[in-house]
């Protein structure tokens, strides 16, 4: 529910017809308007963004498993929702105060991100949020297996892809394209040690990579000063 599943975030079990463009892609007069584009790794930021920026109206176009890259070949659910978001950003750039793009970035995506940023144009500030930390098992399961050790030390052995290398490559490509980059790797794994708790007995992630609602509040609050809005 915190991702607005079924209206502004379309999960894999839903279709493009379930996306409510009238609600999710509408500008609000008198407010700063910022568009959040991407897959479920964009949707898990929504709760934190709305809490960190209560004066901002967030438009949202998210579809599970749908990469916001290139010309969005793939299922209709992806091509329609994501393409609609980029077309909206290009057409309403002067009315938007910012665009945020986040996704489950993979190896090779850094080579394509420049063309994606160019598709939006230069009329609106663009922020790319880098890859989140992922594990080979759901984080709650890793923590439960390690109990009563609450340090999360064993979680490092379960780290999956992507890793710090992709984070660095994405930063270089994004900044070369003239957009702003925010590293999730740096905020979740400061100094190379990844945090695993969002609060007492509340894991940072509810599966292999998606932030819990509490973690969305926590992480976005920390990276909030890095977003570029007008």
C-alpha atoms as a PDB file:
ATOM      1  CA  UNK A   1       0.000   0.000   0.000  1.00  0.00           C
ATOM      2  CA  UNK A   2       2.874   2.392   0.743  1.00  0.00           C
ATOM      3  CA  UNK A   3       3.976   2.020  -2.892  1.00  0.00           C
ATOM      4  CA  UNK A   4       0.425   2.808  -4.151  1.00  0.00           C
ATOM      5  CA  UNK A   5       0.142  -0.620  -5.714  1.00  0.00           C
ATOM      6  CA  UNK A   6      -2.721  -0.934  -8.190  1.00  0.00           C
ATOM      7  CA  UNK A   7      -2.977   2.754  -9.042  1.00  0.00           C
ATOM      8  CA  UNK A   8       0.403   4.460  -9.547  1.00  0.00           C
ATOM      9  CA  UNK A   9       2.561   1.345  -9.162  1.00  0.00           C
ATOM     10  CA  UNK A  10       1.574  -1.545 -11.406  1.00  0.00           C
ATOM     11  CA  UNK A  11       2.801  -4.909 -10.139  1.00  0.00           C
ATOM     12  CA  UNK A  12       3.432  -7.886 -12.390  1.00  0.00           C
ATOM     13  CA  UNK A  13      -0.058  -9.287 -11.796  1.00  0.00           C
ATOM     14  CA  UNK A  14      -1.747  -6.142 -13.153  1.00  0.00           C
ATOM     15  CA  UNK A  15      -1.997  -4.603 -16.607  1.00  0.00           C
ATOM     16  CA  UNK A  16      -1.407  -1.205 -18.159  1.00  0.00           C
ATOM     17  CA  UNK A  17      -5.141  -0.513 -17.957  1.00  0.00           C
ATOM     18  CA  UNK A  18      -4.859  -0.480 -14.140  1.00  0.00           C
ATOM     19  CA  UNK A  19      -2.560   2.537 -14.167  1.00  0.00           C
ATOM     20  CA  UNK A  20      -4.540   5.614 -13.104  1.00  0.00           C
ATOM     21  CA  UNK A  21      -2.958   8.391 -15.139  1.00  0.00           C
ATOM     22  CA  UNK A  22      -5.618  10.889 -14.087  1.00  0.00           C
ATOM     23  CA  UNK A  23      -4.526  10.484 -10.464  1.00  0.00           C
ATOM     24  CA  UNK A  24      -0.840   9.665 -10.862  1.00  0.00           C
ATOM     25  CA  UNK A  25       0.233  11.981 -13.702  1.00  0.00           C
ATOM     26  CA  UNK A  26      -1.637  15.150 -12.798  1.00  0.00           C
ATOM     27  CA  UNK A  27       0.039  18.437 -11.968  1.00  0.00           C
ATOM     28  CA  UNK A  28      -1.109  20.271  -8.839  1.00  0.00           C
ATOM     29  CA  UNK A  29      -1.492  24.026  -9.102  1.00  0.00           C
ATOM     30  CA  UNK A  30       0.339  26.010  -6.444  1.00  0.00           C
ATOM     31  CA  UNK A  31       2.642  23.144  -5.467  1.00  0.00           C
ATOM     32  CA  UNK A  32       6.050  21.922  -6.524  1.00  0.00           C
ATOM     33  CA  UNK A  33       5.533  18.954  -8.837  1.00  0.00           C
ATOM     34  CA  UNK A  34       8.105  16.138  -9.032  1.00  0.00           C
ATOM     35  CA  UNK A  35       7.747  13.007 -11.170  1.00  0.00           C
ATOM     36  CA  UNK A  36       8.976   9.612  -9.910  1.00  0.00           C
ATOM     37  CA  UNK A  37       9.685   7.184 -12.785  1.00  0.00           C
ATOM     38  CA  UNK A  38      10.854   3.574 -12.617  1.00  0.00           C
ATOM     39  CA  UNK A  39      10.128   0.064 -11.437  1.00  0.00           C
ATOM     40  CA  UNK A  40       9.452  -1.255  -7.921  1.00  0.00           C
ATOM     41  CA  UNK A  41      12.812   0.165  -6.807  1.00  0.00           C
ATOM     42  CA  UNK A  42      11.338   3.571  -7.531  1.00  0.00           C
ATOM     43  CA  UNK A  43       8.014   2.733  -5.878  1.00  0.00           C
ATOM     44  CA  UNK A  44       9.700   1.793  -2.601  1.00  0.00           C
ATOM     45  CA  UNK A  45      10.979   5.380  -2.347  1.00  0.00           C
ATOM     46  CA  UNK A  46       7.495   6.915  -2.537  1.00  0.00           C
ATOM     47  CA  UNK A  47       6.656   6.656   1.184  1.00  0.00           C
ATOM     48  CA  UNK A  48       9.942   8.255   2.166  1.00  0.00           C
ATOM     49  CA  UNK A  49       9.693  11.005  -0.437  1.00  0.00           C
ATOM     50  CA  UNK A  50       6.233  12.108   0.642  1.00  0.00           C
ATOM     51  CA  UNK A  51       7.322  12.202   4.277  1.00  0.00           C
ATOM     52  CA  UNK A  52      10.612  14.009   3.616  1.00  0.00           C
ATOM     53  CA  UNK A  53       9.028  16.553   1.246  1.00  0.00           C
ATOM     54  CA  UNK A  54       5.492  17.260   2.542  1.00  0.00           C
ATOM     55  CA  UNK A  55       5.273  20.409   0.405  1.00  0.00           C
ATOM     56  CA  UNK A  56       5.959  18.524  -2.844  1.00  0.00           C
ATOM     57  CA  UNK A  57       3.314  16.866  -5.005  1.00  0.00           C
ATOM     58  CA  UNK A  58       4.814  13.615  -6.300  1.00  0.00           C
ATOM     59  CA  UNK A  59       3.566  12.281  -9.593  1.00  0.00           C
ATOM     60  CA  UNK A  60       4.289   8.577  -9.942  1.00  0.00           C
ATOM     61  CA  UNK A  61       4.673   6.160 -12.858  1.00  0.00           C
ATOM     62  CA  UNK A  62       6.081   2.846 -11.666  1.00  0.00           C
ATOM     63  CA  UNK A  63       5.727  -0.670 -13.083  1.00  0.00           C
ATOM     64  CA  UNK A  64       7.302  -3.773 -11.589  1.00  0.00           C
ATOM     65  CA  UNK A  65      10.209  -5.198 -13.570  1.00  0.00           C
ATOM     66  CA  UNK A  66      10.043  -2.409 -16.142  1.00  0.00           C
ATOM     67  CA  UNK A  67      13.369  -0.714 -16.732  1.00  0.00           C
ATOM     68  CA  UNK A  68      13.173   3.037 -17.505  1.00  0.00           C
ATOM     69  CA  UNK A  69      15.733   2.771 -20.283  1.00  0.00           C
ATOM     70  CA  UNK A  70      15.816   3.113 -24.043  1.00  0.00           C
ATOM     71  CA  UNK A  71      12.523   2.768 -25.858  1.00  0.00           C
ATOM     72  CA  UNK A  72      11.092   0.370 -23.286  1.00  0.00           C
ATOM     73  CA  UNK A  73      10.649  -2.774 -25.327  1.00  0.00           C
ATOM     74  CA  UNK A  74       8.813  -5.434 -23.366  1.00  0.00           C
ATOM     75  CA  UNK A  75       5.347  -6.240 -22.040  1.00  0.00           C
ATOM     76  CA  UNK A  76       2.590  -3.727 -22.703  1.00  0.00           C
ATOM     77  CA  UNK A  77       2.464  -3.041 -18.974  1.00  0.00           C
ATOM     78  CA  UNK A  78       6.015  -1.684 -19.253  1.00  0.00           C
ATOM     79  CA  UNK A  79       5.896   0.091 -22.574  1.00  0.00           C
ATOM     80  CA  UNK A  80       2.678   1.959 -21.848  1.00  0.00           C
ATOM     81  CA  UNK A  81       3.313   3.067 -18.264  1.00  0.00           C
ATOM     82  CA  UNK A  82       6.992   3.964 -18.564  1.00  0.00           C
ATOM     83  CA  UNK A  83       6.717   5.545 -22.021  1.00  0.00           C
ATOM     84  CA  UNK A  84       3.743   7.584 -20.842  1.00  0.00           C
ATOM     85  CA  UNK A  85       5.866   8.904 -17.975  1.00  0.00           C
ATOM     86  CA  UNK A  86       8.749   9.952 -20.223  1.00  0.00           C
ATOM     87  CA  UNK A  87       6.409  11.527 -22.752  1.00  0.00           C
ATOM     88  CA  UNK A  88       4.781  13.493 -19.911  1.00  0.00           C
ATOM     89  CA  UNK A  89       8.179  14.651 -18.611  1.00  0.00           C
ATOM     90  CA  UNK A  90       9.254  15.805 -22.058  1.00  0.00           C
ATOM     91  CA  UNK A  91       5.983  17.648 -22.669  1.00  0.00           C
ATOM     92  CA  UNK A  92       5.678  19.265 -19.217  1.00  0.00           C
ATOM     93  CA  UNK A  93       9.323  19.860 -18.307  1.00  0.00           C
ATOM     94  CA  UNK A  94       8.787  23.547 -17.632  1.00  0.00           C
ATOM     95  CA  UNK A  95       5.917  22.751 -15.266  1.00  0.00           C
ATOM     96  CA  UNK A  96       7.790  20.050 -13.376  1.00  0.00           C
ATOM     97  CA  UNK A  97      10.192  20.945 -10.591  1.00  0.00           C
ATOM     98  CA  UNK A  98      12.119  17.692 -10.810  1.00  0.00           C
ATOM     99  CA  UNK A  99      12.241  14.171 -12.190  1.00  0.00           C
ATOM    100  CA  UNK A 100      13.511  11.202 -10.158  1.00  0.00           C
ATOM    101  CA  UNK A 101      14.429   7.953 -11.924  1.00  0.00           C
ATOM    102  CA  UNK A 102      15.153   4.822  -9.927  1.00  0.00           C
ATOM    103  CA  UNK A 103      15.242   1.150 -10.840  1.00  0.00           C
ATOM    104  CA  UNK A 104      16.781  -2.214 -10.142  1.00  0.00           C
ATOM    105  CA  UNK A 105      19.821  -1.274 -12.181  1.00  0.00           C
ATOM    106  CA  UNK A 106      21.914  -4.053 -13.691  1.00  0.00           C
ATOM    107  CA  UNK A 107      25.307  -4.453 -15.309  1.00  0.00           C
ATOM    108  CA  UNK A 108      25.335  -2.605 -18.607  1.00  0.00           C
ATOM    109  CA  UNK A 109      22.625  -0.083 -17.704  1.00  0.00           C
ATOM    110  CA  UNK A 110      25.221   2.656 -17.231  1.00  0.00           C
ATOM    111  CA  UNK A 111      25.826   2.593 -20.990  1.00  0.00           C
ATOM    112  CA  UNK A 112      22.162   3.384 -21.689  1.00  0.00           C
ATOM    113  CA  UNK A 113      21.345   5.916 -18.997  1.00  0.00           C
ATOM    114  CA  UNK A 114      22.642   8.906 -20.987  1.00  0.00           C
ATOM    115  CA  UNK A 115      20.111   8.433 -23.791  1.00  0.00           C
ATOM    116  CA  UNK A 116      17.359   8.051 -21.204  1.00  0.00           C
ATOM    117  CA  UNK A 117      18.261  11.343 -19.519  1.00  0.00           C
ATOM    118  CA  UNK A 118      18.409  13.065 -22.902  1.00  0.00           C
ATOM    119  CA  UNK A 119      14.879  11.916 -23.665  1.00  0.00           C
ATOM    120  CA  UNK A 120      13.561  14.100 -20.835  1.00  0.00           C
ATOM    121  CA  UNK A 121      15.365  17.188 -22.060  1.00  0.00           C
ATOM    122  CA  UNK A 122      17.067  20.013 -20.208  1.00  0.00           C
ATOM    123  CA  UNK A 123      13.982  21.896 -19.017  1.00  0.00           C
ATOM    124  CA  UNK A 124      13.757  20.031 -15.694  1.00  0.00           C
ATOM    125  CA  UNK A 125      16.354  18.854 -13.132  1.00  0.00           C
ATOM    126  CA  UNK A 126      16.865  15.067 -13.235  1.00  0.00           C
ATOM    127  CA  UNK A 127      18.036  12.937 -10.299  1.00  0.00           C
ATOM    128  CA  UNK A 128      19.028   9.296 -10.787  1.00  0.00           C
ATOM    129  CA  UNK A 129      18.951   7.096  -7.678  1.00  0.00           C
ATOM    130  CA  UNK A 130      21.554   4.340  -7.927  1.00  0.00           C
ATOM    131  CA  UNK A 131      21.182   0.601  -7.322  1.00  0.00           C
ATOM    132  CA  UNK A 132      20.035  -0.553  -3.926  1.00  0.00           C
ATOM    133  CA  UNK A 133      21.748  -3.285  -1.925  1.00  0.00           C
ATOM    134  CA  UNK A 134      20.499  -6.776  -2.750  1.00  0.00           C
ATOM    135  CA  UNK A 135      20.901 -10.179  -1.123  1.00  0.00           C
ATOM    136  CA  UNK A 136      20.665 -13.750  -2.402  1.00  0.00           C
ATOM    137  CA  UNK A 137      18.028 -14.490   0.253  1.00  0.00           C
ATOM    138  CA  UNK A 138      15.341 -12.270   1.789  1.00  0.00           C
ATOM    139  CA  UNK A 139      17.029 -10.099   4.408  1.00  0.00           C
ATOM    140  CA  UNK A 140      14.483 -10.996   7.152  1.00  0.00           C
ATOM    141  CA  UNK A 141      15.349 -14.685   6.638  1.00  0.00           C
ATOM    142  CA  UNK A 142      19.088 -13.956   6.877  1.00  0.00           C
ATOM    143  CA  UNK A 143      18.545 -12.040  10.115  1.00  0.00           C
ATOM    144  CA  UNK A 144      16.256 -14.710  11.560  1.00  0.00           C
ATOM    145  CA  UNK A 145      18.825 -17.424  10.856  1.00  0.00           C
ATOM    146  CA  UNK A 146      21.494 -15.381  12.643  1.00  0.00           C
ATOM    147  CA  UNK A 147      19.340 -14.687  15.716  1.00  0.00           C
ATOM    148  CA  UNK A 148      20.080 -13.849  18.538  1.00  0.00           C
ATOM    149  CA  UNK A 149      23.090 -12.127  16.927  1.00  0.00           C
ATOM    150  CA  UNK A 150      21.531  -8.820  15.865  1.00  0.00           C
ATOM    151  CA  UNK A 151      24.654  -7.294  14.357  1.00  0.00           C
ATOM    152  CA  UNK A 152      23.780  -8.419  10.848  1.00  0.00           C
ATOM    153  CA  UNK A 153      27.407  -9.386  10.366  1.00  0.00           C
ATOM    154  CA  UNK A 154      26.572 -12.578   8.480  1.00  0.00           C
ATOM    155  CA  UNK A 155      24.512 -10.639   5.926  1.00  0.00           C
ATOM    156  CA  UNK A 156      27.665  -9.622   4.044  1.00  0.00           C
ATOM    157  CA  UNK A 157      28.191 -13.213   2.878  1.00  0.00           C
ATOM    158  CA  UNK A 158      24.743 -13.130   1.241  1.00  0.00           C
ATOM    159  CA  UNK A 159      25.322  -9.951  -0.818  1.00  0.00           C
ATOM    160  CA  UNK A 160      24.202 -10.346  -4.395  1.00  0.00           C
ATOM    161  CA  UNK A 161      24.558  -8.288  -7.515  1.00  0.00           C
ATOM    162  CA  UNK A 162      24.813  -5.431  -8.218  1.00  0.00           C
ATOM    163  CA  UNK A 163      27.741  -4.249  -6.145  1.00  0.00           C
ATOM    164  CA  UNK A 164      29.833  -1.124  -5.647  1.00  0.00           C
ATOM    165  CA  UNK A 165      31.252  -1.398  -9.177  1.00  0.00           C
ATOM    166  CA  UNK A 166      27.921  -0.679 -10.827  1.00  0.00           C
ATOM    167  CA  UNK A 167      27.274   2.184  -8.425  1.00  0.00           C
ATOM    168  CA  UNK A 168      30.517   3.852  -9.520  1.00  0.00           C
ATOM    169  CA  UNK A 169      29.837   3.257 -13.225  1.00  0.00           C
ATOM    170  CA  UNK A 170      26.321   4.693 -12.907  1.00  0.00           C
ATOM    171  CA  UNK A 171      27.609   7.837 -11.194  1.00  0.00           C
ATOM    172  CA  UNK A 172      30.121   8.494 -13.964  1.00  0.00           C
ATOM    173  CA  UNK A 173      27.531   7.978 -16.720  1.00  0.00           C
ATOM    174  CA  UNK A 174      24.827  10.059 -15.024  1.00  0.00           C
ATOM    175  CA  UNK A 175      27.079  13.007 -14.262  1.00  0.00           C
ATOM    176  CA  UNK A 176      28.522  12.876 -17.777  1.00  0.00           C
ATOM    177  CA  UNK A 177      24.953  13.192 -19.084  1.00  0.00           C
ATOM    178  CA  UNK A 178      24.372  16.309 -16.965  1.00  0.00           C
ATOM    179  CA  UNK A 179      22.042  14.820 -14.346  1.00  0.00           C
ATOM    180  CA  UNK A 180      22.478  14.409 -10.592  1.00  0.00           C
ATOM    181  CA  UNK A 181      23.296  11.047  -8.998  1.00  0.00           C
ATOM    182  CA  UNK A 182      22.464   9.710  -5.527  1.00  0.00           C
ATOM    183  CA  UNK A 183      24.269   6.583  -4.319  1.00  0.00           C
ATOM    184  CA  UNK A 184      22.177   4.138  -2.326  1.00  0.00           C
ATOM    185  CA  UNK A 185      25.325   2.068  -1.814  1.00  0.00           C
ATOM    186  CA  UNK A 186      26.937   4.901   0.138  1.00  0.00           C
ATOM    187  CA  UNK A 187      23.968   5.532   2.413  1.00  0.00           C
ATOM    188  CA  UNK A 188      23.111   1.869   3.092  1.00  0.00           C
ATOM    189  CA  UNK A 189      26.722   0.647   3.307  1.00  0.00           C
ATOM    190  CA  UNK A 190      28.752   3.543   4.726  1.00  0.00           C
ATOM    191  CA  UNK A 191      32.384   2.521   4.969  1.00  0.00           C
ATOM    192  CA  UNK A 192      31.582  -0.796   3.297  1.00  0.00           C
ATOM    193  CA  UNK A 193      29.449  -2.224   6.121  1.00  0.00           C
ATOM    194  CA  UNK A 194      25.777  -2.500   5.189  1.00  0.00           C
ATOM    195  CA  UNK A 195      23.117  -1.545   7.696  1.00  0.00           C
ATOM    196  CA  UNK A 196      20.346  -4.113   8.039  1.00  0.00           C
ATOM    197  CA  UNK A 197      17.873  -2.536  10.480  1.00  0.00           C
ATOM    198  CA  UNK A 198      15.435   0.345   9.976  1.00  0.00           C
ATOM    199  CA  UNK A 199      14.435   0.276  13.640  1.00  0.00           C
ATOM    200  CA  UNK A 200      14.197  -2.127  16.552  1.00  0.00           C
ATOM    201  CA  UNK A 201      13.463  -5.547  15.012  1.00  0.00           C
ATOM    202  CA  UNK A 202      12.462  -3.877  11.717  1.00  0.00           C
ATOM    203  CA  UNK A 203      14.629  -5.056   8.797  1.00  0.00           C
ATOM    204  CA  UNK A 204      15.817  -2.515   6.265  1.00  0.00           C
ATOM    205  CA  UNK A 205      14.418  -4.646   3.445  1.00  0.00           C
ATOM    206  CA  UNK A 206      11.361  -6.913   3.385  1.00  0.00           C
ATOM    207  CA  UNK A 207      12.761  -9.249   0.709  1.00  0.00           C
ATOM    208  CA  UNK A 208      16.023  -9.479  -1.219  1.00  0.00           C
ATOM    209  CA  UNK A 209      16.158  -5.785  -2.054  1.00  0.00           C
ATOM    210  CA  UNK A 210      13.016  -3.674  -1.484  1.00  0.00           C
ATOM    211  CA  UNK A 211      12.953  -1.198   1.390  1.00  0.00           C
ATOM    212  CA  UNK A 212      10.387  -1.601   4.138  1.00  0.00           C
ATOM    213  CA  UNK A 213       8.184   1.446   4.690  1.00  0.00           C
ATOM    214  CA  UNK A 214      10.180   2.356   7.792  1.00  0.00           C
ATOM    215  CA  UNK A 215      13.422   2.040   5.823  1.00  0.00           C
ATOM    216  CA  UNK A 216      12.025   4.204   3.040  1.00  0.00           C
ATOM    217  CA  UNK A 217      11.368   6.922   5.623  1.00  0.00           C
ATOM    218  CA  UNK A 218      14.844   6.486   7.127  1.00  0.00           C
ATOM    219  CA  UNK A 219      16.891   6.304   3.928  1.00  0.00           C
ATOM    220  CA  UNK A 220      15.089   9.053   2.025  1.00  0.00           C
ATOM    221  CA  UNK A 221      15.390  11.373   5.023  1.00  0.00           C
ATOM    222  CA  UNK A 222      19.158  10.902   4.861  1.00  0.00           C
ATOM    223  CA  UNK A 223      19.469  11.460   1.114  1.00  0.00           C
ATOM    224  CA  UNK A 224      16.828  14.217   0.960  1.00  0.00           C
ATOM    225  CA  UNK A 225      19.383  17.076   0.782  1.00  0.00           C
ATOM    226  CA  UNK A 226      20.872  15.489  -2.342  1.00  0.00           C
ATOM    227  CA  UNK A 227      17.754  15.663  -4.524  1.00  0.00           C
ATOM    228  CA  UNK A 228      17.709  18.415  -7.117  1.00  0.00           C
ATOM    229  CA  UNK A 229      14.360  20.199  -7.403  1.00  0.00           C
ATOM    230  CA  UNK A 230      13.622  23.685  -8.541  1.00  0.00           C
END
